[in-house]
């Protein structure tokens, strides 16, 4: 995306926004919900419920600028599964989002081996030993 300014930071508002809001309404969301100073030059992104419209608002030292994009047939890959109310994007992630790519990628998995040498019978053949291997993910156990 080509802009007239280089934003200091880029913040994405996770939840859908009523798109009847314009500059004043979006700036109020920035300051009340995100608890950010809207006058820093940071760029703030908002998406509608259908995820086919996007608004950007930022302060450019002389006033607020509002940028609006509507997709005709597609939807933005809006990262609404993040736990935080806001998410900071890099300029490259912003370009990806505007180009239709998922900016977060796949969720990182946290696996931990629960193998214990004490539980494996040394007399067992290798295929039987493999049965004792298991992994733990979010308090659930999966046996291999």
N, C-alpha and C. Protein backbone atom coordinates (compact mmCIF):
# COMPACT_ATOMS: atom_id res chain seq x y z
N UNK A 1 0.85 -1.17 0.00
CA UNK A 1 0.00 0.00 0.00
C UNK A 1 0.89 1.23 0.00
N UNK A 2 0.63 2.14 -0.89
CA UNK A 2 1.39 3.39 -0.94
C UNK A 2 0.63 4.44 -0.15
N UNK A 3 1.36 5.07 0.77
CA UNK A 3 0.75 6.10 1.61
C UNK A 3 1.60 7.36 1.54
N UNK A 4 1.05 8.43 2.00
CA UNK A 4 1.77 9.70 2.01
C UNK A 4 2.70 9.79 3.22
N UNK A 5 2.51 8.94 4.19
CA UNK A 5 3.33 8.96 5.40
C UNK A 5 3.83 7.54 5.70
N UNK A 6 4.89 7.48 6.45
CA UNK A 6 5.38 6.20 6.98
C UNK A 6 4.88 6.12 8.42
N UNK A 7 3.92 5.24 8.71
CA UNK A 7 3.39 5.20 10.08
C UNK A 7 4.42 4.69 11.07
N UNK A 8 4.41 5.30 12.25
CA UNK A 8 5.33 4.88 13.32
C UNK A 8 5.05 3.44 13.71
N UNK A 9 3.78 3.10 13.84
CA UNK A 9 3.34 1.75 14.18
C UNK A 9 2.02 1.48 13.49
N UNK A 10 1.68 0.19 13.38
CA UNK A 10 0.44 -0.21 12.73
C UNK A 10 -0.29 -1.14 13.68
N UNK A 11 -1.50 -0.75 14.07
CA UNK A 11 -2.29 -1.55 15.00
C UNK A 11 -3.59 -2.01 14.32
N UNK A 12 -3.90 -3.26 14.50
CA UNK A 12 -5.12 -3.84 13.97
C UNK A 12 -6.11 -4.02 15.12
N UNK A 13 -7.30 -3.50 14.98
CA UNK A 13 -8.36 -3.69 15.97
C UNK A 13 -9.04 -5.02 15.63
N UNK A 14 -9.02 -5.97 16.55
CA UNK A 14 -9.47 -7.33 16.28
C UNK A 14 -10.96 -7.45 15.95
N UNK A 15 -11.80 -6.82 16.72
CA UNK A 15 -13.25 -7.01 16.59
C UNK A 15 -13.83 -6.17 15.44
N UNK A 16 -14.92 -6.65 14.91
CA UNK A 16 -15.62 -5.93 13.84
C UNK A 16 -16.14 -4.60 14.38
N UNK A 17 -16.19 -3.62 13.49
CA UNK A 17 -16.59 -2.27 13.86
C UNK A 17 -17.79 -1.86 13.00
N UNK A 18 -18.68 -1.10 13.59
CA UNK A 18 -19.81 -0.53 12.86
C UNK A 18 -19.24 0.48 11.86
N UNK A 19 -19.39 0.22 10.58
CA UNK A 19 -18.76 1.06 9.58
C UNK A 19 -19.51 2.36 9.29
N UNK A 20 -20.54 2.66 10.07
CA UNK A 20 -21.11 3.99 10.01
C UNK A 20 -20.19 4.98 10.73
N UNK A 21 -19.25 4.45 11.54
CA UNK A 21 -18.29 5.31 12.24
C UNK A 21 -17.32 5.91 11.22
N UNK A 22 -17.02 7.18 11.43
CA UNK A 22 -16.04 7.83 10.59
C UNK A 22 -14.83 8.19 11.46
N UNK A 23 -14.13 9.24 11.15
CA UNK A 23 -12.89 9.56 11.85
C UNK A 23 -13.10 9.71 13.35
N UNK A 24 -14.05 10.54 13.76
CA UNK A 24 -14.25 10.79 15.19
C UNK A 24 -14.62 9.51 15.95
N UNK A 25 -15.49 8.70 15.38
CA UNK A 25 -15.90 7.46 16.03
C UNK A 25 -14.76 6.45 16.14
N UNK A 26 -13.94 6.35 15.09
CA UNK A 26 -12.81 5.42 15.11
C UNK A 26 -11.73 5.90 16.07
N UNK A 27 -11.48 7.20 16.11
CA UNK A 27 -10.50 7.75 17.05
C UNK A 27 -10.97 7.51 18.49
N UNK A 28 -12.27 7.63 18.73
CA UNK A 28 -12.81 7.34 20.06
C UNK A 28 -12.57 5.88 20.42
N UNK A 29 -12.71 4.95 19.47
CA UNK A 29 -12.41 3.53 19.73
C UNK A 29 -10.93 3.33 20.06
N UNK A 30 -10.06 4.01 19.33
CA UNK A 30 -8.62 3.90 19.57
C UNK A 30 -8.30 4.30 21.00
N UNK A 31 -8.87 5.42 21.43
CA UNK A 31 -8.53 5.94 22.76
C UNK A 31 -9.27 5.22 23.88
N UNK A 32 -10.48 4.75 23.65
CA UNK A 32 -11.23 4.11 24.74
C UNK A 32 -10.98 2.61 24.81
N UNK A 33 -11.10 1.89 23.70
CA UNK A 33 -10.95 0.44 23.74
C UNK A 33 -9.49 -0.01 23.68
N UNK A 34 -8.72 0.60 22.80
CA UNK A 34 -7.32 0.20 22.66
C UNK A 34 -6.41 0.93 23.64
N UNK A 35 -6.92 2.01 24.23
CA UNK A 35 -6.17 2.83 25.17
C UNK A 35 -4.84 3.29 24.58
N UNK A 36 -4.93 3.76 23.33
CA UNK A 36 -3.75 4.27 22.61
C UNK A 36 -3.96 5.75 22.32
N UNK A 37 -2.86 6.47 22.19
CA UNK A 37 -2.90 7.86 21.81
C UNK A 37 -3.02 7.92 20.29
N UNK A 38 -4.11 8.43 19.80
CA UNK A 38 -4.36 8.47 18.36
C UNK A 38 -3.53 9.53 17.65
N UNK A 39 -2.87 10.41 18.40
CA UNK A 39 -2.12 11.52 17.82
C UNK A 39 -0.63 11.22 17.66
N UNK A 40 -0.24 9.96 17.69
CA UNK A 40 1.18 9.60 17.61
C UNK A 40 1.66 9.37 16.19
N UNK A 41 0.76 9.30 15.23
CA UNK A 41 1.14 8.98 13.87
C UNK A 41 1.00 7.50 13.56
N UNK A 42 0.58 6.72 14.55
CA UNK A 42 0.35 5.29 14.32
C UNK A 42 -0.87 5.11 13.43
N UNK A 43 -0.88 4.03 12.69
CA UNK A 43 -1.99 3.72 11.80
C UNK A 43 -2.86 2.67 12.49
N UNK A 44 -4.16 2.85 12.46
CA UNK A 44 -5.09 1.93 13.11
C UNK A 44 -6.03 1.35 12.05
N UNK A 45 -6.13 0.01 12.03
CA UNK A 45 -6.95 -0.69 11.05
C UNK A 45 -8.22 -1.21 11.69
N UNK A 46 -9.32 -1.12 10.95
CA UNK A 46 -10.61 -1.61 11.40
C UNK A 46 -11.27 -2.37 10.25
N UNK A 47 -12.07 -3.37 10.60
CA UNK A 47 -12.76 -4.17 9.60
C UNK A 47 -14.24 -4.26 9.97
N UNK A 48 -15.10 -4.42 8.97
CA UNK A 48 -16.52 -4.58 9.25
C UNK A 48 -16.83 -6.05 9.53
N UNK A 49 -18.06 -6.33 9.91
CA UNK A 49 -18.47 -7.69 10.28
C UNK A 49 -18.35 -8.67 9.12
N UNK A 50 -18.68 -8.24 7.91
CA UNK A 50 -18.61 -9.11 6.73
C UNK A 50 -17.18 -9.32 6.25
N UNK A 51 -16.23 -8.57 6.79
CA UNK A 51 -14.80 -8.66 6.44
C UNK A 51 -14.52 -8.35 4.96
N UNK A 52 -15.36 -7.52 4.37
CA UNK A 52 -15.11 -7.11 2.99
C UNK A 52 -14.78 -5.63 2.88
N UNK A 53 -14.74 -4.94 4.02
CA UNK A 53 -14.40 -3.51 4.05
C UNK A 53 -13.36 -3.27 5.13
N UNK A 54 -12.48 -2.32 4.86
CA UNK A 54 -11.40 -2.01 5.77
C UNK A 54 -11.26 -0.50 5.86
N UNK A 55 -11.04 0.01 7.07
CA UNK A 55 -10.76 1.43 7.25
C UNK A 55 -9.44 1.57 8.00
N UNK A 56 -8.66 2.55 7.57
CA UNK A 56 -7.41 2.91 8.23
C UNK A 56 -7.54 4.36 8.66
N UNK A 57 -7.10 4.65 9.86
CA UNK A 57 -7.11 6.04 10.31
C UNK A 57 -5.76 6.34 10.96
N UNK A 58 -5.24 7.52 10.69
CA UNK A 58 -3.97 7.94 11.29
C UNK A 58 -3.89 9.46 11.34
N UNK A 59 -3.06 9.95 12.25
CA UNK A 59 -2.81 11.37 12.41
C UNK A 59 -1.59 11.73 11.58
N UNK A 60 -1.70 12.72 10.70
CA UNK A 60 -0.56 13.08 9.84
C UNK A 60 0.02 14.46 10.16
N UNK A 61 -0.09 14.90 11.38
CA UNK A 61 0.46 16.16 11.92
C UNK A 61 -0.37 17.39 11.57
N UNK A 62 -1.30 17.28 10.64
CA UNK A 62 -2.18 18.41 10.33
C UNK A 62 -3.64 18.05 10.53
N UNK A 63 -3.90 16.77 10.73
CA UNK A 63 -5.27 16.30 10.91
C UNK A 63 -5.31 14.79 10.72
N UNK A 64 -6.47 14.23 10.93
CA UNK A 64 -6.63 12.79 10.74
C UNK A 64 -6.90 12.47 9.28
N UNK A 65 -6.37 11.34 8.84
CA UNK A 65 -6.63 10.85 7.50
C UNK A 65 -7.38 9.53 7.62
N UNK A 66 -8.34 9.33 6.74
CA UNK A 66 -9.14 8.11 6.73
C UNK A 66 -9.00 7.48 5.35
N UNK A 67 -8.68 6.20 5.36
CA UNK A 67 -8.51 5.44 4.12
C UNK A 67 -9.50 4.30 4.16
N UNK A 68 -10.21 4.05 3.09
CA UNK A 68 -11.28 3.06 3.04
C UNK A 68 -11.06 2.14 1.84
N UNK A 69 -11.19 0.83 2.06
CA UNK A 69 -11.08 -0.13 0.97
C UNK A 69 -12.25 -1.10 1.04
N UNK A 70 -12.88 -1.34 -0.12
CA UNK A 70 -13.97 -2.31 -0.21
C UNK A 70 -13.59 -3.36 -1.24
N UNK A 71 -13.69 -4.63 -0.86
CA UNK A 71 -13.45 -5.72 -1.79
C UNK A 71 -14.76 -6.08 -2.47
N UNK A 72 -14.71 -6.29 -3.76
CA UNK A 72 -15.93 -6.59 -4.52
C UNK A 72 -16.37 -8.05 -4.38
N UNK A 73 -15.44 -9.00 -4.36
CA UNK A 73 -15.83 -10.40 -4.33
C UNK A 73 -15.16 -11.22 -3.23
N UNK A 74 -14.16 -10.72 -2.61
CA UNK A 74 -13.38 -11.49 -1.63
C UNK A 74 -13.62 -10.97 -0.22
N UNK A 75 -12.94 -11.58 0.73
CA UNK A 75 -12.96 -11.14 2.12
C UNK A 75 -11.53 -11.02 2.61
N UNK A 76 -11.31 -10.08 3.54
CA UNK A 76 -9.99 -9.95 4.15
C UNK A 76 -9.77 -11.12 5.09
N UNK A 77 -8.55 -11.60 5.17
CA UNK A 77 -8.17 -12.66 6.11
C UNK A 77 -7.88 -11.99 7.46
N UNK A 78 -8.96 -11.60 8.13
CA UNK A 78 -8.84 -10.80 9.35
C UNK A 78 -8.51 -11.72 10.52
N UNK A 79 -7.44 -11.45 11.26
CA UNK A 79 -7.05 -12.33 12.38
C UNK A 79 -7.90 -12.10 13.62
N UNK A 80 -9.08 -12.71 13.66
CA UNK A 80 -9.99 -12.50 14.79
C UNK A 80 -9.83 -13.56 15.88
N UNK A 81 -8.91 -14.51 15.73
CA UNK A 81 -8.72 -15.54 16.75
C UNK A 81 -7.60 -15.20 17.72
N UNK A 82 -7.03 -14.02 17.60
CA UNK A 82 -6.01 -13.61 18.55
C UNK A 82 -6.69 -13.23 19.86
N UNK A 83 -5.98 -13.39 20.96
CA UNK A 83 -6.60 -13.16 22.27
C UNK A 83 -6.62 -11.68 22.65
N UNK A 84 -5.76 -10.88 22.09
CA UNK A 84 -5.70 -9.47 22.44
C UNK A 84 -6.70 -8.66 21.64
N UNK A 85 -7.11 -7.52 22.17
CA UNK A 85 -8.04 -6.63 21.48
C UNK A 85 -7.37 -5.97 20.27
N UNK A 86 -6.05 -5.86 20.33
CA UNK A 86 -5.31 -5.25 19.23
C UNK A 86 -4.12 -6.14 18.89
N UNK A 87 -3.60 -5.94 17.71
CA UNK A 87 -2.45 -6.70 17.24
C UNK A 87 -1.58 -5.75 16.44
N UNK A 88 -0.28 -5.72 16.73
CA UNK A 88 0.61 -4.84 15.99
C UNK A 88 1.11 -5.55 14.74
N UNK A 89 1.03 -4.86 13.62
CA UNK A 89 1.47 -5.39 12.34
C UNK A 89 2.75 -4.71 11.88
N UNK A 90 3.53 -5.43 11.13
CA UNK A 90 4.67 -4.82 10.44
C UNK A 90 4.15 -4.26 9.12
N UNK A 91 4.91 -3.38 8.47
CA UNK A 91 4.48 -2.89 7.15
C UNK A 91 4.28 -4.04 6.15
N UNK A 92 5.11 -5.05 6.23
CA UNK A 92 4.97 -6.20 5.34
C UNK A 92 3.67 -6.95 5.61
N UNK A 93 3.32 -7.13 6.89
CA UNK A 93 2.06 -7.81 7.23
C UNK A 93 0.86 -7.00 6.75
N UNK A 94 0.95 -5.68 6.81
CA UNK A 94 -0.13 -4.84 6.28
C UNK A 94 -0.29 -5.06 4.78
N UNK A 95 0.82 -5.11 4.06
CA UNK A 95 0.75 -5.39 2.62
C UNK A 95 0.13 -6.76 2.36
N UNK A 96 0.51 -7.75 3.17
CA UNK A 96 -0.06 -9.10 3.02
C UNK A 96 -1.57 -9.07 3.24
N UNK A 97 -1.99 -8.40 4.31
CA UNK A 97 -3.42 -8.32 4.62
C UNK A 97 -4.19 -7.68 3.47
N UNK A 98 -3.67 -6.58 2.95
CA UNK A 98 -4.34 -5.89 1.85
C UNK A 98 -4.30 -6.69 0.55
N UNK A 99 -3.35 -7.62 0.45
CA UNK A 99 -3.24 -8.48 -0.73
C UNK A 99 -4.02 -9.78 -0.59
N UNK A 100 -4.66 -9.98 0.55
CA UNK A 100 -5.49 -11.16 0.74
C UNK A 100 -4.85 -12.32 1.45
N UNK A 101 -3.67 -12.11 2.02
CA UNK A 101 -2.99 -13.19 2.73
C UNK A 101 -3.28 -13.15 4.22
N UNK A 102 -3.13 -14.30 4.87
CA UNK A 102 -3.27 -14.41 6.31
C UNK A 102 -2.01 -13.85 6.96
N UNK A 103 -2.15 -12.86 7.81
CA UNK A 103 -0.98 -12.21 8.40
C UNK A 103 -0.39 -12.96 9.58
N UNK A 104 -1.16 -13.85 10.19
CA UNK A 104 -0.65 -14.58 11.35
C UNK A 104 -0.08 -15.94 10.99
N UNK A 105 -0.46 -16.50 9.88
CA UNK A 105 0.00 -17.84 9.53
C UNK A 105 -0.65 -18.87 10.43
N UNK A 106 -0.02 -20.01 10.54
CA UNK A 106 -0.54 -21.07 11.37
C UNK A 106 -0.20 -20.83 12.83
N UNK A 107 -1.09 -21.26 13.70
CA UNK A 107 -0.86 -21.12 15.13
C UNK A 107 0.25 -22.08 15.56
N UNK A 108 1.15 -21.56 16.37
CA UNK A 108 2.26 -22.37 16.86
C UNK A 108 1.73 -23.42 17.83
N UNK A 109 2.17 -24.65 17.66
CA UNK A 109 1.76 -25.74 18.54
C UNK A 109 2.79 -25.93 19.64
N UNK A 110 2.32 -26.20 20.82
CA UNK A 110 3.20 -26.42 21.97
C UNK A 110 3.11 -27.87 22.40
N UNK A 111 3.99 -28.70 21.89
CA UNK A 111 4.01 -30.12 22.24
C UNK A 111 5.13 -30.38 23.24
N UNK A 112 4.90 -31.35 24.07
CA UNK A 112 5.91 -31.76 25.03
C UNK A 112 5.86 -33.27 25.13
N UNK A 113 7.01 -33.89 25.05
CA UNK A 113 7.07 -35.34 25.15
C UNK A 113 6.80 -35.77 26.59
N UNK A 114 6.03 -36.81 26.74
CA UNK A 114 5.75 -37.35 28.08
C UNK A 114 6.37 -38.73 28.23
N UNK A 115 7.36 -39.05 27.43
CA UNK A 115 7.99 -40.35 27.47
C UNK A 115 8.81 -40.48 28.76
N UNK A 116 8.73 -41.62 29.35
CA UNK A 116 9.51 -41.90 30.54
C UNK A 116 10.22 -43.23 30.31
N UNK A 117 11.51 -43.23 30.45
CA UNK A 117 12.30 -44.44 30.23
C UNK A 117 11.86 -45.55 31.19
N UNK A 118 11.40 -45.20 32.37
CA UNK A 118 10.98 -46.20 33.35
C UNK A 118 9.78 -47.01 32.87
N UNK A 119 8.94 -46.40 32.01
CA UNK A 119 7.73 -47.08 31.55
C UNK A 119 7.96 -48.01 30.37
N UNK A 120 9.13 -47.93 29.75
CA UNK A 120 9.40 -48.76 28.59
C UNK A 120 10.15 -50.01 29.03
N UNK A 121 9.58 -51.13 28.71
CA UNK A 121 10.20 -52.41 29.04
C UNK A 121 11.32 -52.66 28.04
N UNK A 122 12.52 -52.83 28.52
CA UNK A 122 13.66 -53.01 27.63
C UNK A 122 13.59 -54.31 26.85
N UNK A 123 12.73 -55.25 27.28
CA UNK A 123 12.57 -56.50 26.56
C UNK A 123 11.62 -56.36 25.37
N UNK A 124 10.89 -55.26 25.32
CA UNK A 124 9.94 -55.07 24.22
C UNK A 124 10.69 -54.77 22.93
N UNK A 125 10.11 -55.21 21.85
CA UNK A 125 10.69 -54.89 20.55
C UNK A 125 10.42 -53.42 20.25
N UNK A 126 11.09 -52.88 19.29
CA UNK A 126 10.97 -51.46 18.95
C UNK A 126 9.53 -51.04 18.65
N UNK A 127 8.75 -51.78 17.83
CA UNK A 127 7.37 -51.33 17.57
C UNK A 127 6.53 -51.25 18.85
N UNK A 128 6.75 -52.16 19.80
CA UNK A 128 6.00 -52.10 21.05
C UNK A 128 6.44 -50.91 21.89
N UNK A 129 7.70 -50.55 21.83
CA UNK A 129 8.18 -49.38 22.57
C UNK A 129 7.53 -48.10 22.04
N UNK A 130 7.34 -48.04 20.76
CA UNK A 130 6.74 -46.85 20.18
C UNK A 130 5.32 -46.62 20.66
N UNK A 131 4.62 -47.67 21.04
CA UNK A 131 3.27 -47.53 21.56
C UNK A 131 3.25 -46.70 22.83
N UNK A 132 4.33 -46.72 23.60
CA UNK A 132 4.38 -45.99 24.87
C UNK A 132 4.64 -44.50 24.70
N UNK A 133 5.01 -44.08 23.52
CA UNK A 133 5.27 -42.66 23.30
C UNK A 133 3.96 -41.90 23.22
N UNK A 134 3.94 -40.77 23.83
CA UNK A 134 2.75 -39.91 23.73
C UNK A 134 3.21 -38.47 23.79
N UNK A 135 2.33 -37.59 23.35
CA UNK A 135 2.62 -36.17 23.41
C UNK A 135 1.48 -35.47 24.11
N UNK A 136 1.79 -34.33 24.69
CA UNK A 136 0.79 -33.58 25.43
C UNK A 136 0.57 -32.23 24.75
N UNK A 137 -0.67 -31.89 24.54
CA UNK A 137 -1.02 -30.59 24.00
C UNK A 137 -2.25 -30.09 24.73
N UNK A 138 -2.08 -28.97 25.43
CA UNK A 138 -3.18 -28.32 26.14
C UNK A 138 -3.98 -29.31 27.00
N UNK A 139 -3.29 -29.99 27.87
CA UNK A 139 -3.88 -30.91 28.85
C UNK A 139 -4.59 -32.11 28.24
N UNK A 140 -4.33 -32.42 26.99
CA UNK A 140 -4.89 -33.64 26.41
C UNK A 140 -3.73 -34.51 25.96
N UNK A 141 -3.90 -35.81 26.03
CA UNK A 141 -2.85 -36.75 25.71
C UNK A 141 -3.21 -37.50 24.46
N UNK A 142 -2.28 -37.60 23.55
CA UNK A 142 -2.48 -38.32 22.30
C UNK A 142 -1.45 -39.44 22.25
N UNK A 143 -1.89 -40.66 22.08
CA UNK A 143 -0.96 -41.77 22.01
C UNK A 143 -0.57 -42.04 20.58
N UNK A 144 0.70 -42.30 20.38
CA UNK A 144 1.21 -42.57 19.03
C UNK A 144 1.20 -44.06 18.77
